[in-house]
Protein backbone atom coordinates (compact mmCIF):
# COMPACT_ATOMS: atom_id res chain seq x y z
CA UNK A 1 80.85 93.15 123.00
CA UNK A 2 77.35 92.58 121.13
CA UNK A 3 76.85 94.07 117.73
CA UNK A 4 73.92 96.79 118.56
CA UNK A 5 72.71 99.00 116.07
CA UNK A 6 74.54 101.98 117.79
CA UNK A 7 77.69 100.32 117.54
CA UNK A 8 77.27 99.73 113.55
CA UNK A 9 76.26 103.25 112.97
CA UNK A 10 78.98 104.46 115.18
CA UNK A 11 81.48 102.41 113.26
CA UNK A 12 80.36 103.18 109.78
CA UNK A 13 80.00 106.93 110.65
CA UNK A 14 83.42 107.18 112.08
CA UNK A 15 84.85 104.97 109.08
CA UNK A 16 82.71 107.03 106.55
CA UNK A 17 84.12 110.38 108.28
CA UNK A 18 87.88 109.12 107.67
CA UNK A 19 87.40 108.25 104.30
CA UNK A 20 86.30 111.34 103.49
CA UNK A 21 89.54 113.08 105.13
CA UNK A 22 91.52 110.66 103.50
CA UNK A 23 90.12 112.06 99.90
CA UNK A 24 90.50 115.76 101.02
CA UNK A 25 94.25 114.83 102.12
CA UNK A 26 94.77 113.14 98.45
CA UNK A 27 93.13 116.08 96.96
CA UNK A 28 95.68 118.37 99.01
CA UNK A 29 98.41 116.65 98.27
CA UNK A 30 98.35 116.62 94.46
CA UNK A 31 99.17 113.15 93.97
CA UNK A 32 96.65 110.88 95.50
CA UNK A 33 94.13 110.68 92.72
CA UNK A 34 94.41 107.18 92.68
CA UNK A 35 96.20 106.38 95.64
CA UNK A 36 93.29 108.25 97.93
CA UNK A 37 90.47 106.34 96.76
CA UNK A 38 92.39 103.11 97.08
CA UNK A 39 93.40 103.49 100.55
CA UNK A 40 89.43 104.81 101.42
CA UNK A 41 88.06 101.46 99.82
CA UNK A 42 89.98 99.81 102.57
CA UNK A 43 88.01 101.29 105.02
CA UNK A 44 84.61 99.13 104.12
CA UNK A 45 86.53 95.88 105.20
CA UNK A 46 85.14 96.01 109.01
CA UNK A 47 81.46 97.05 107.91
CA UNK A 48 81.44 94.31 105.08
CA UNK A 49 83.17 91.77 107.69
CA UNK A 50 81.01 92.76 110.57
CA UNK A 51 77.61 93.82 109.15
CA UNK A 52 77.40 92.57 105.67
CA UNK A 53 77.17 94.01 102.31
CA UNK A 54 73.97 96.32 103.03
CA UNK A 55 76.07 98.09 105.68
CA UNK A 56 79.05 98.60 103.92
CA UNK A 57 77.25 99.93 100.76
CA UNK A 58 75.36 102.60 103.44
CA UNK A 59 79.09 103.51 104.39
CA UNK A 60 79.86 103.72 101.19
CA UNK A 61 77.33 105.71 99.92
CA UNK A 62 77.91 108.06 102.76
CA UNK A 63 81.47 108.46 102.00
CA UNK A 64 80.98 109.28 97.95
CA UNK A 65 78.36 111.74 98.55
CA UNK A 66 80.24 113.59 101.19
CA UNK A 67 83.30 113.06 98.85
CA UNK A 68 81.45 114.33 95.87
CA UNK A 69 80.42 117.58 97.70
CA UNK A 70 83.40 118.36 99.93
CA UNK A 71 86.20 117.22 97.94
CA UNK A 72 87.41 120.10 95.22
CA UNK A 73 89.15 117.33 92.56
CA UNK A 74 86.28 115.84 90.66
CA UNK A 75 88.36 113.30 89.18
CA UNK A 76 89.48 111.95 92.68
CA UNK A 77 85.94 112.00 93.88
CA UNK A 78 84.45 110.39 90.87
CA UNK A 79 87.38 107.55 91.18
CA UNK A 80 85.98 106.72 94.33
CA UNK A 81 82.61 107.24 93.99
CA UNK A 82 82.22 105.48 90.68
CA UNK A 83 85.57 102.81 90.76
CA UNK A 84 86.93 101.76 93.71
CA UNK A 85 84.12 102.88 96.55
CA UNK A 86 81.73 99.95 95.45
CA UNK A 87 84.50 97.60 94.71
CA UNK A 88 85.15 95.63 98.07
CA UNK A 89 81.43 94.58 98.09
CA UNK A 90 81.21 93.91 94.44
CA UNK A 91 84.35 91.75 94.84
CA UNK A 92 82.46 89.45 97.47
CA UNK A 93 79.99 88.71 94.63
CA UNK A 94 82.71 88.32 92.03
CA UNK A 95 84.77 85.86 94.39
CA UNK A 96 81.80 83.70 94.23
CA UNK A 97 82.56 82.74 90.51
CA UNK A 98 84.32 79.18 90.48
CA UNK A 99 87.12 79.68 87.90
CA UNK A 100 89.87 81.82 88.57
CA UNK A 101 90.31 83.12 85.00
CA UNK A 102 86.77 83.91 84.68
CA UNK A 103 86.70 85.63 88.06
CA UNK A 104 89.89 87.80 87.19
CA UNK A 105 88.40 88.84 83.95
CA UNK A 106 85.18 89.66 85.53
CA UNK A 107 87.21 91.97 88.05
CA UNK A 108 89.16 93.54 85.41
CA UNK A 109 86.14 94.13 83.10
CA UNK A 110 84.17 95.61 85.83
CA UNK A 111 87.03 98.02 86.61
CA UNK A 112 87.94 98.85 83.14
CA UNK A 113 84.23 99.71 82.47
CA UNK A 114 83.81 101.99 85.26
CA UNK A 115 87.06 103.81 84.77
CA UNK A 116 86.05 104.46 81.26
CA UNK A 117 82.57 105.61 82.30
CA UNK A 118 84.14 107.62 84.91
CA UNK A 119 86.50 109.56 82.29
CA UNK A 120 83.65 109.87 79.76
CA UNK A 121 81.82 111.56 82.34
CA UNK A 122 84.70 113.74 83.40
CA UNK A 123 85.10 114.89 79.55
CA UNK A 124 81.59 115.40 78.79
CA UNK A 125 80.12 116.70 82.09
CA UNK A 126 82.72 118.36 84.15
CA UNK A 127 85.25 119.14 81.67
CA UNK A 128 88.18 120.10 83.93
CA UNK A 129 90.71 122.31 82.01
CA UNK A 130 93.69 120.40 80.48
CA UNK A 131 92.13 116.85 81.27
CA UNK A 132 91.27 115.86 77.74
CA UNK A 133 94.84 117.22 76.43
CA UNK A 134 96.66 115.15 79.26
CA UNK A 135 94.63 111.96 78.08
CA UNK A 136 94.87 112.28 74.37
CA UNK A 137 98.04 114.44 74.00
CA UNK A 138 100.35 111.52 74.08
CA UNK A 139 98.49 109.58 71.32
CA UNK A 140 97.38 105.78 71.31
CA UNK A 141 100.47 104.64 73.23
CA UNK A 142 100.32 106.68 75.86
CA UNK A 143 96.75 105.92 76.62
CA UNK A 144 97.46 102.16 76.34
CA UNK A 145 100.32 102.80 78.84
CA UNK A 146 97.99 104.78 81.12
CA UNK A 147 95.19 102.03 81.12
CA UNK A 148 97.91 99.41 82.02
CA UNK A 149 99.03 101.44 84.71
CA UNK A 150 95.97 102.08 86.02
CA UNK A 151 95.08 97.99 85.68
CA UNK A 152 98.24 97.24 87.40
CA UNK A 153 97.31 99.73 90.54
CA UNK A 154 93.77 97.73 90.39
CA UNK A 155 95.29 94.53 90.53
CA UNK A 156 97.80 95.54 93.21
CA UNK A 157 94.83 97.07 95.22
CA UNK A 158 92.87 93.89 94.93
CA UNK A 159 95.58 91.68 96.15
CA UNK A 160 95.55 94.26 99.12
CA UNK A 161 92.30 94.10 99.75
CA UNK A 162 92.29 90.28 99.75
CA UNK A 163 95.33 90.34 102.20
CA UNK A 164 93.52 92.92 104.45
CA UNK A 165 90.41 90.95 104.19
CA UNK A 166 92.08 87.68 105.83
CA UNK A 167 94.03 89.71 108.07
CA UNK A 168 90.98 91.65 109.71
CA UNK A 169 89.07 88.06 109.98
CA UNK A 170 92.08 86.22 111.43
CA UNK A 171 92.39 89.04 113.88
CA UNK A 172 88.24 89.18 114.44
CA UNK A 173 88.66 85.10 115.46
CA UNK A 174 91.02 85.75 118.51
């Protein structure tokens, strides 16, 4: 089947809509603050592999904008919009780094900085009730454990993204 412009638009539109549904479902369940954005970022794999980074970023932008407008949980929608949404595209460029240690460090630095910016934006602009007490109520150790757990989840997300990308490429070759 040829890769026409209408096929590209249809695929990205359907995947963007599915991404918004996943973000809404994560918000409705209440436990999907980190899981729903991670699942939604996997939806960029087809657009990224078939059509390139520009198309994947367009799909991401549509999903992020609709998520910010429609999802009632600002933490969840901003977590996708700032941290995990653009990551599959950023990952393609970070994978070009030759040294594995440098590559891993760059991935974790990028993720940690975006999450720090996300929570700074949440606390300073949106100020959801109870978020400051939730983050800083347990002290420094609690914040360090939380940061470690979020980075562990990111590492697992990165591994899953690599495996799903490889499986998608293998499937497309057949």
